[in-house]
Every structure is written in structure tokens, then in C-alpha cells.
Amino acid sequence: MPFISKTNFNNFNLYLWKIEESEVTLENGIAISSALRERLKSARSEEHRKGILSVHQLMKVADVLESDLYYDSDGCPNLKFNKYISISHSKYFSAIVLSEFQIGVDIEFCREKIIRIAPRFLHNKEHFALGKIEELTYVWTAKEAIYKAFRTSGINFSKQIYIDKPFDEGKVREGKVVYNDQHKLFELSSIKFDSHFVTIAYEKN
């Protein structure tokens, strides 16, 4: 049986799914529309297809119909009713968040590879993460989540997004976007479990 978790935060709901099933099992109970079938056909791997299907299982848990979901020209998920959604999946877990305002989520597995690619996304002020797999994974998820919430293509992760402090369980952190003439602060809520980080970003009021 899959692991399903719903976490109620003050202003959004996070849903998590542990991906343990086969593709066939993950299709059970889902109405496979022609659009969803095309997405599955274009998926680059079995892992990616299972991620898509587990997201739709989470949507079912959250009472979101497949017909309620659509993707804009930039590939960002949207809902037809008055709520916002963000989606992420890794090899082992998938996540969605639902909120009354624009929001972003990212989930990643901690692996050594991130040390090698860190120069591509690490800001020169984020020295607290240098050489540390867990902190780098946290920073990456935070920036991906901010990128999804900001919804503007062309952001440079290493120069235009800055995370203020290291991960601290249960504490809300902040990230800043400086893009053209825009300066925006985002609050970051993060959870660490099973060698994964999941981070949710939403603009600070």
C-alpha cells in the first residue's frame, strides 16, 4: 500500500506519496484522459511516468479532478477553480501543494552529485551550504520552489535567488528574488524525511 500524508499548514496543504507501486497499480482508480495519456507517452522513463501517475493519485486524495488541471504555455500547472497548485516528484516520492495564493513546491533526494553541480545554483552569499550535501539539497529545493511560485522564466539561480539561512527543522526561512526591477521575499517551509527535502515557497506579505 502507498504511503499518503497530508500536512495542514496555516495557509496551504501539502500532500505526499511514497512511490512503491507498478505503473499498472498506479493507474488504478484514475480516469486516464487523452491529455494525460499523451503526457505519459512523452515521459522520458518509467520513473517519470510513475511520478506523473502518483501525482494524479494525490490529486484524487485532495479532491482535485484531472479535468480541473491544465498547463500553461510555460508548462506550469494551474487549476480551473479558485485555488493554486504546485507539483513535484522524485524517484521515490511525489508532492503537491494546494493554496489560496501562488505557491511552489520541490522535493529532492540527497545525493553526492549535488556537490559537483553546486556552482550552477549556489549564490556567493550561501557559504553555509558549501560542500554539504544536505544543505545544498535544501538550497536547491528552496530555489526550485521559489522559481515555481515566482512564475517567471529566465531566472538565474546563482545570481538572482538568495536563501538567507541554513535549514532548521520547524523554522520558516526566507529567500529573495532580484529580477530586473523586482525585489521579492518568499517564506520557505521545509521538511526533511527519508533522505529527502521538500520545500514550499510563497511570497511574503
C-alpha atoms as a PDB file:
ATOM      1  CA  MET A   1       0.000   0.000   0.000  1.00  0.00           C
ATOM      2  CA  PRO A   2       1.211   3.538  -0.718  1.00  0.00           C
ATOM      3  CA  PHE A   3       2.173   5.969   1.995  1.00  0.00           C
ATOM      4  CA  ILE A   4      -0.067   9.042   1.900  1.00  0.00           C
ATOM      5  CA  SER A   5       0.488  12.030   4.137  1.00  0.00           C
ATOM      6  CA  LYS A   6      -1.443  15.273   4.355  1.00  0.00           C
ATOM      7  CA  THR A   7       0.089  18.124   6.349  1.00  0.00           C
ATOM      8  CA  ASN A   8      -2.045  21.168   7.134  1.00  0.00           C
ATOM      9  CA  PHE A   9      -0.024  24.357   7.411  1.00  0.00           C
ATOM     10  CA  ASN A  10      -1.560  27.720   8.305  1.00  0.00           C
ATOM     11  CA  ASN A  11      -2.148  28.727   4.713  1.00  0.00           C
ATOM     12  CA  PHE A  12      -1.656  25.665   2.489  1.00  0.00           C
ATOM     13  CA  ASN A  13      -1.938  21.880   2.417  1.00  0.00           C
ATOM     14  CA  LEU A  14       0.924  19.544   1.481  1.00  0.00           C
ATOM     15  CA  TYR A  15       0.236  16.025   0.159  1.00  0.00           C
ATOM     16  CA  LEU A  16       2.994  13.377  -0.130  1.00  0.00           C
ATOM     17  CA  TRP A  17       3.017   9.975  -1.824  1.00  0.00           C
ATOM     18  CA  LYS A  18       5.692   7.301  -1.475  1.00  0.00           C
ATOM     19  CA  ILE A  19       6.119   5.679  -4.888  1.00  0.00           C
ATOM     20  CA  GLU A  20       6.289   1.921  -4.369  1.00  0.00           C
ATOM     21  CA  GLU A  21       3.767   0.594  -6.897  1.00  0.00           C
ATOM     22  CA  SER A  22       3.991  -0.532 -10.502  1.00  0.00           C
ATOM     23  CA  GLU A  23       2.661   1.669 -13.294  1.00  0.00           C
ATOM     24  CA  VAL A  24      -0.367  -0.600 -13.657  1.00  0.00           C
ATOM     25  CA  THR A  25      -1.196  -0.313  -9.959  1.00  0.00           C
ATOM     26  CA  LEU A  26      -0.746   3.466 -10.020  1.00  0.00           C
ATOM     27  CA  GLU A  27      -3.290   3.709 -12.837  1.00  0.00           C
ATOM     28  CA  ASN A  28      -5.981   2.100 -10.670  1.00  0.00           C
ATOM     29  CA  GLY A  29      -8.811   4.484  -9.878  1.00  0.00           C
ATOM     30  CA  ILE A  30      -7.573   7.222 -12.221  1.00  0.00           C
ATOM     31  CA  ALA A  31      -9.560   8.331 -15.260  1.00  0.00           C
ATOM     32  CA  ILE A  32      -6.879   8.427 -17.964  1.00  0.00           C
ATOM     33  CA  SER A  33      -7.863  11.254 -20.299  1.00  0.00           C
ATOM     34  CA  SER A  34      -6.356  11.658 -23.766  1.00  0.00           C
ATOM     35  CA  ALA A  35      -4.237  14.578 -22.482  1.00  0.00           C
ATOM     36  CA  LEU A  36      -2.884  12.512 -19.586  1.00  0.00           C
ATOM     37  CA  ARG A  37      -2.223   9.561 -21.892  1.00  0.00           C
ATOM     38  CA  GLU A  38      -0.177  11.840 -24.164  1.00  0.00           C
ATOM     39  CA  ARG A  39       1.830  13.104 -21.179  1.00  0.00           C
ATOM     40  CA  LEU A  40       2.574   9.523 -20.165  1.00  0.00           C
ATOM     41  CA  LYS A  41       3.625   8.635 -23.707  1.00  0.00           C
ATOM     42  CA  SER A  42       6.016  11.587 -23.865  1.00  0.00           C
ATOM     43  CA  ALA A  43       7.556  10.824 -20.433  1.00  0.00           C
ATOM     44  CA  ARG A  44      11.253  10.049 -20.722  1.00  0.00           C
ATOM     45  CA  SER A  45      11.283   6.981 -18.436  1.00  0.00           C
ATOM     46  CA  GLU A  46       9.224   4.588 -16.330  1.00  0.00           C
ATOM     47  CA  GLU A  47      10.308   6.574 -13.277  1.00  0.00           C
ATOM     48  CA  HIS A  48       8.862   9.750 -14.785  1.00  0.00           C
ATOM     49  CA  ARG A  49       5.585   8.015 -15.715  1.00  0.00           C
ATOM     50  CA  LYS A  50       5.209   6.697 -12.172  1.00  0.00           C
ATOM     51  CA  GLY A  51       5.825  10.201 -10.868  1.00  0.00           C
ATOM     52  CA  ILE A  52       3.034  11.574 -13.058  1.00  0.00           C
ATOM     53  CA  LEU A  53       0.634   8.825 -12.023  1.00  0.00           C
ATOM     54  CA  SER A  54       1.395   9.205  -8.307  1.00  0.00           C
ATOM     55  CA  VAL A  55       0.699  12.953  -8.623  1.00  0.00           C
ATOM     56  CA  HIS A  56      -2.716  12.106 -10.040  1.00  0.00           C
ATOM     57  CA  GLN A  57      -3.287   9.719  -7.144  1.00  0.00           C
ATOM     58  CA  LEU A  58      -2.526  12.629  -4.802  1.00  0.00           C
ATOM     59  CA  MET A  59      -4.949  14.832  -6.730  1.00  0.00           C
ATOM     60  CA  LYS A  60      -7.599  12.181  -6.140  1.00  0.00           C
ATOM     61  CA  VAL A  61      -6.863  12.251  -2.390  1.00  0.00           C
ATOM     62  CA  ALA A  62      -7.086  16.076  -2.478  1.00  0.00           C
ATOM     63  CA  ASP A  63     -10.405  16.012  -4.408  1.00  0.00           C
ATOM     64  CA  VAL A  64      -8.878  17.648  -7.480  1.00  0.00           C
ATOM     65  CA  LEU A  65     -10.255  16.298 -10.740  1.00  0.00           C
ATOM     66  CA  GLU A  66      -7.972  15.652 -13.688  1.00  0.00           C
ATOM     67  CA  SER A  67     -10.284  17.898 -15.709  1.00  0.00           C
ATOM     68  CA  ASP A  68      -9.598  20.730 -13.215  1.00  0.00           C
ATOM     69  CA  LEU A  69      -5.865  20.722 -14.048  1.00  0.00           C
ATOM     70  CA  TYR A  70      -4.255  22.385 -17.048  1.00  0.00           C
ATOM     71  CA  TYR A  71      -0.745  23.512 -18.007  1.00  0.00           C
ATOM     72  CA  ASP A  72       0.076  26.960 -19.381  1.00  0.00           C
ATOM     73  CA  SER A  73       2.490  27.721 -22.237  1.00  0.00           C
ATOM     74  CA  ASP A  74       5.458  27.592 -19.815  1.00  0.00           C
ATOM     75  CA  GLY A  75       4.430  24.147 -18.540  1.00  0.00           C
ATOM     76  CA  CYS A  76       3.208  25.452 -15.154  1.00  0.00           C
ATOM     77  CA  PRO A  77       0.230  23.600 -13.610  1.00  0.00           C
ATOM     78  CA  ASN A  78      -2.947  25.574 -12.948  1.00  0.00           C
ATOM     79  CA  LEU A  79      -6.431  24.854 -11.639  1.00  0.00           C
ATOM     80  CA  LYS A  80      -9.688  25.975 -13.211  1.00  0.00           C
ATOM     81  CA  PHE A  81     -11.193  26.848  -9.833  1.00  0.00           C
ATOM     82  CA  ASN A  82     -10.071  29.466  -7.318  1.00  0.00           C
ATOM     83  CA  LYS A  83      -7.012  27.700  -5.878  1.00  0.00           C
ATOM     84  CA  TYR A  84      -3.344  27.328  -6.781  1.00  0.00           C
ATOM     85  CA  ILE A  85      -1.407  24.105  -7.172  1.00  0.00           C
ATOM     86  CA  SER A  86       2.264  23.188  -7.406  1.00  0.00           C
ATOM     87  CA  ILE A  87       3.669  19.752  -8.208  1.00  0.00           C
ATOM     88  CA  SER A  88       6.971  17.918  -7.753  1.00  0.00           C
ATOM     89  CA  HIS A  89       8.187  14.340  -7.867  1.00  0.00           C
ATOM     90  CA  SER A  90      11.451  12.490  -7.373  1.00  0.00           C
ATOM     91  CA  LYS A  91      12.311   8.819  -7.865  1.00  0.00           C
ATOM     92  CA  TYR A  92      10.742   7.829  -4.548  1.00  0.00           C
ATOM     93  CA  PHE A  93       8.186  10.499  -3.634  1.00  0.00           C
ATOM     94  CA  SER A  94       5.714  12.893  -5.197  1.00  0.00           C
ATOM     95  CA  ALA A  95       4.233  16.030  -3.690  1.00  0.00           C
ATOM     96  CA  ILE A  96       1.506  18.560  -4.377  1.00  0.00           C
ATOM     97  CA  VAL A  97       0.529  21.700  -2.512  1.00  0.00           C
ATOM     98  CA  LEU A  98      -2.806  23.484  -2.679  1.00  0.00           C
ATOM     99  CA  SER A  99      -3.245  27.070  -1.577  1.00  0.00           C
ATOM    100  CA  GLU A 100      -5.358  30.209  -1.908  1.00  0.00           C
ATOM    101  CA  PHE A 101      -2.321  32.052  -3.345  1.00  0.00           C
ATOM    102  CA  GLN A 102       0.583  31.420  -5.700  1.00  0.00           C
ATOM    103  CA  ILE A 103       2.901  28.773  -4.288  1.00  0.00           C
ATOM    104  CA  GLY A 104       5.732  26.430  -5.275  1.00  0.00           C
ATOM    105  CA  VAL A 105       6.980  23.041  -4.050  1.00  0.00           C
ATOM    106  CA  ASP A 106      10.047  20.945  -4.764  1.00  0.00           C
ATOM    107  CA  ILE A 107      11.166  17.566  -3.451  1.00  0.00           C
ATOM    108  CA  GLU A 108      14.655  16.093  -3.899  1.00  0.00           C
ATOM    109  CA  PHE A 109      16.698  13.133  -2.680  1.00  0.00           C
ATOM    110  CA  CYS A 110      20.040  13.948  -1.037  1.00  0.00           C
ATOM    111  CA  ARG A 111      22.893  12.648  -3.211  1.00  0.00           C
ATOM    112  CA  GLU A 112      26.572  13.387  -3.638  1.00  0.00           C
ATOM    113  CA  LYS A 113      26.128  14.605  -7.220  1.00  0.00           C
ATOM    114  CA  ILE A 114      24.809  17.915  -5.899  1.00  0.00           C
ATOM    115  CA  ILE A 115      28.282  18.941  -4.701  1.00  0.00           C
ATOM    116  CA  ARG A 116      29.502  18.812  -8.294  1.00  0.00           C
ATOM    117  CA  ILE A 117      26.667  20.909  -9.719  1.00  0.00           C
ATOM    118  CA  ALA A 118      26.501  23.373  -6.808  1.00  0.00           C
ATOM    119  CA  PRO A 119      28.347  26.195  -8.684  1.00  0.00           C
ATOM    120  CA  ARG A 120      25.425  26.319 -11.126  1.00  0.00           C
ATOM    121  CA  PHE A 121      22.915  27.385  -8.491  1.00  0.00           C
ATOM    122  CA  LEU A 122      24.749  28.497  -5.328  1.00  0.00           C
ATOM    123  CA  HIS A 123      24.805  32.240  -4.576  1.00  0.00           C
ATOM    124  CA  ASN A 124      28.121  33.653  -3.339  1.00  0.00           C
ATOM    125  CA  LYS A 125      26.440  34.536  -0.018  1.00  0.00           C
ATOM    126  CA  GLU A 126      25.234  30.969   0.615  1.00  0.00           C
ATOM    127  CA  HIS A 127      28.554  29.860   2.094  1.00  0.00           C
ATOM    128  CA  PHE A 128      26.744  27.861   4.805  1.00  0.00           C
ATOM    129  CA  ALA A 129      25.981  25.179   2.177  1.00  0.00           C
ATOM    130  CA  LEU A 130      29.430  24.746   0.621  1.00  0.00           C
ATOM    131  CA  GLY A 131      30.437  21.077   0.430  1.00  0.00           C
ATOM    132  CA  LYS A 132      27.425  19.903   2.485  1.00  0.00           C
ATOM    133  CA  ILE A 133      25.080  17.519   0.688  1.00  0.00           C
ATOM    134  CA  GLU A 134      22.044  18.131   2.896  1.00  0.00           C
ATOM    135  CA  GLU A 135      22.360  21.927   2.946  1.00  0.00           C
ATOM    136  CA  LEU A 136      22.909  22.033  -0.826  1.00  0.00           C
ATOM    137  CA  THR A 137      19.831  19.862  -1.355  1.00  0.00           C
ATOM    138  CA  TYR A 138      17.812  22.177   0.867  1.00  0.00           C
ATOM    139  CA  VAL A 139      19.021  25.257  -1.037  1.00  0.00           C
ATOM    140  CA  TRP A 140      18.219  23.612  -4.373  1.00  0.00           C
ATOM    141  CA  THR A 141      14.655  22.713  -3.301  1.00  0.00           C
ATOM    142  CA  ALA A 142      14.156  26.220  -1.912  1.00  0.00           C
ATOM    143  CA  LYS A 143      15.223  27.849  -5.167  1.00  0.00           C
ATOM    144  CA  GLU A 144      13.154  25.474  -7.301  1.00  0.00           C
ATOM    145  CA  ALA A 145      10.109  26.171  -5.122  1.00  0.00           C
ATOM    146  CA  ILE A 146      10.667  29.935  -5.349  1.00  0.00           C
ATOM    147  CA  TYR A 147      11.070  29.672  -9.124  1.00  0.00           C
ATOM    148  CA  LYS A 148       7.712  27.874  -9.371  1.00  0.00           C
ATOM    149  CA  ALA A 149       5.997  30.439  -7.124  1.00  0.00           C
ATOM    150  CA  PHE A 150       7.555  33.433  -8.920  1.00  0.00           C
ATOM    151  CA  ARG A 151       6.457  32.045 -12.301  1.00  0.00           C
ATOM    152  CA  THR A 152       8.935  33.969 -14.431  1.00  0.00           C
ATOM    153  CA  SER A 153      11.248  32.167 -16.839  1.00  0.00           C
ATOM    154  CA  GLY A 154      14.874  33.161 -17.261  1.00  0.00           C
ATOM    155  CA  ILE A 155      15.824  33.408 -13.564  1.00  0.00           C
ATOM    156  CA  ASN A 156      19.492  32.793 -12.766  1.00  0.00           C
ATOM    157  CA  PHE A 157      19.569  30.635  -9.628  1.00  0.00           C
ATOM    158  CA  SER A 158      23.116  31.554  -8.622  1.00  0.00           C
ATOM    159  CA  LYS A 159      22.738  35.318  -9.083  1.00  0.00           C
ATOM    160  CA  GLN A 160      19.072  36.229  -8.718  1.00  0.00           C
ATOM    161  CA  ILE A 161      17.813  33.953  -5.928  1.00  0.00           C
ATOM    162  CA  TYR A 162      19.354  34.031  -2.458  1.00  0.00           C
ATOM    163  CA  ILE A 163      18.457  31.840   0.564  1.00  0.00           C
ATOM    164  CA  ASP A 164      19.123  33.604   3.855  1.00  0.00           C
ATOM    165  CA  LYS A 165      19.923  30.835   6.374  1.00  0.00           C
ATOM    166  CA  PRO A 166      20.631  27.090   6.703  1.00  0.00           C
ATOM    167  CA  PHE A 167      17.829  24.570   7.120  1.00  0.00           C
ATOM    168  CA  ASP A 168      16.442  24.314  10.646  1.00  0.00           C
ATOM    169  CA  GLU A 169      13.626  21.821  11.277  1.00  0.00           C
ATOM    170  CA  GLY A 170      10.343  23.553  12.036  1.00  0.00           C
ATOM    171  CA  LYS A 171      11.593  27.075  11.332  1.00  0.00           C
ATOM    172  CA  VAL A 172      10.433  29.240   8.434  1.00  0.00           C
ATOM    173  CA  ARG A 173      13.295  30.662   6.379  1.00  0.00           C
ATOM    174  CA  GLU A 174      13.345  33.329   3.665  1.00  0.00           C
ATOM    175  CA  GLY A 175      14.509  33.571   0.092  1.00  0.00           C
ATOM    176  CA  LYS A 176      14.899  36.681  -2.024  1.00  0.00           C
ATOM    177  CA  VAL A 177      14.454  37.180  -5.758  1.00  0.00           C
ATOM    178  CA  VAL A 178      16.107  40.130  -7.500  1.00  0.00           C
ATOM    179  CA  TYR A 179      14.920  40.164 -11.095  1.00  0.00           C
ATOM    180  CA  ASN A 180      15.084  43.305 -13.246  1.00  0.00           C
ATOM    181  CA  ASP A 181      13.355  45.926 -11.082  1.00  0.00           C
ATOM    182  CA  GLN A 182      11.577  43.371  -8.888  1.00  0.00           C
ATOM    183  CA  HIS A 183      12.714  42.575  -5.336  1.00  0.00           C
ATOM    184  CA  LYS A 184      10.505  39.948  -3.698  1.00  0.00           C
ATOM    185  CA  LEU A 185      10.764  37.994  -0.450  1.00  0.00           C
ATOM    186  CA  PHE A 186       9.486  34.432  -0.148  1.00  0.00           C
ATOM    187  CA  GLU A 187       8.863  32.442   3.014  1.00  0.00           C
ATOM    188  CA  LEU A 188      10.180  28.860   2.985  1.00  0.00           C
ATOM    189  CA  SER A 189       8.726  25.915   4.890  1.00  0.00           C
ATOM    190  CA  SER A 190      10.841  22.747   4.675  1.00  0.00           C
ATOM    191  CA  ILE A 191      10.621  19.164   5.889  1.00  0.00           C
ATOM    192  CA  LYS A 192      13.374  16.521   5.897  1.00  0.00           C
ATOM    193  CA  PHE A 193      12.469  12.813   5.797  1.00  0.00           C
ATOM    194  CA  ASP A 194      13.907   9.583   4.337  1.00  0.00           C
ATOM    195  CA  SER A 195      16.970  11.448   2.977  1.00  0.00           C
ATOM    196  CA  HIS A 196      14.669  13.858   1.126  1.00  0.00           C
ATOM    197  CA  PHE A 197      13.929  17.539   1.436  1.00  0.00           C
ATOM    198  CA  VAL A 198      10.580  19.036   0.486  1.00  0.00           C
ATOM    199  CA  THR A 199      10.363  22.814   0.464  1.00  0.00           C
ATOM    200  CA  ILE A 200       7.356  25.063  -0.090  1.00  0.00           C
ATOM    201  CA  ALA A 201       7.748  28.709  -1.111  1.00  0.00           C
ATOM    202  CA  TYR A 202       5.183  31.503  -1.013  1.00  0.00           C
ATOM    203  CA  GLU A 203       5.553  35.253  -1.319  1.00  0.00           C
ATOM    204  CA  LYS A 204       5.887  37.077   1.990  1.00  0.00           C
ATOM    205  CA  ASN A 205       3.136  39.577   2.717  1.00  0.00           C
END
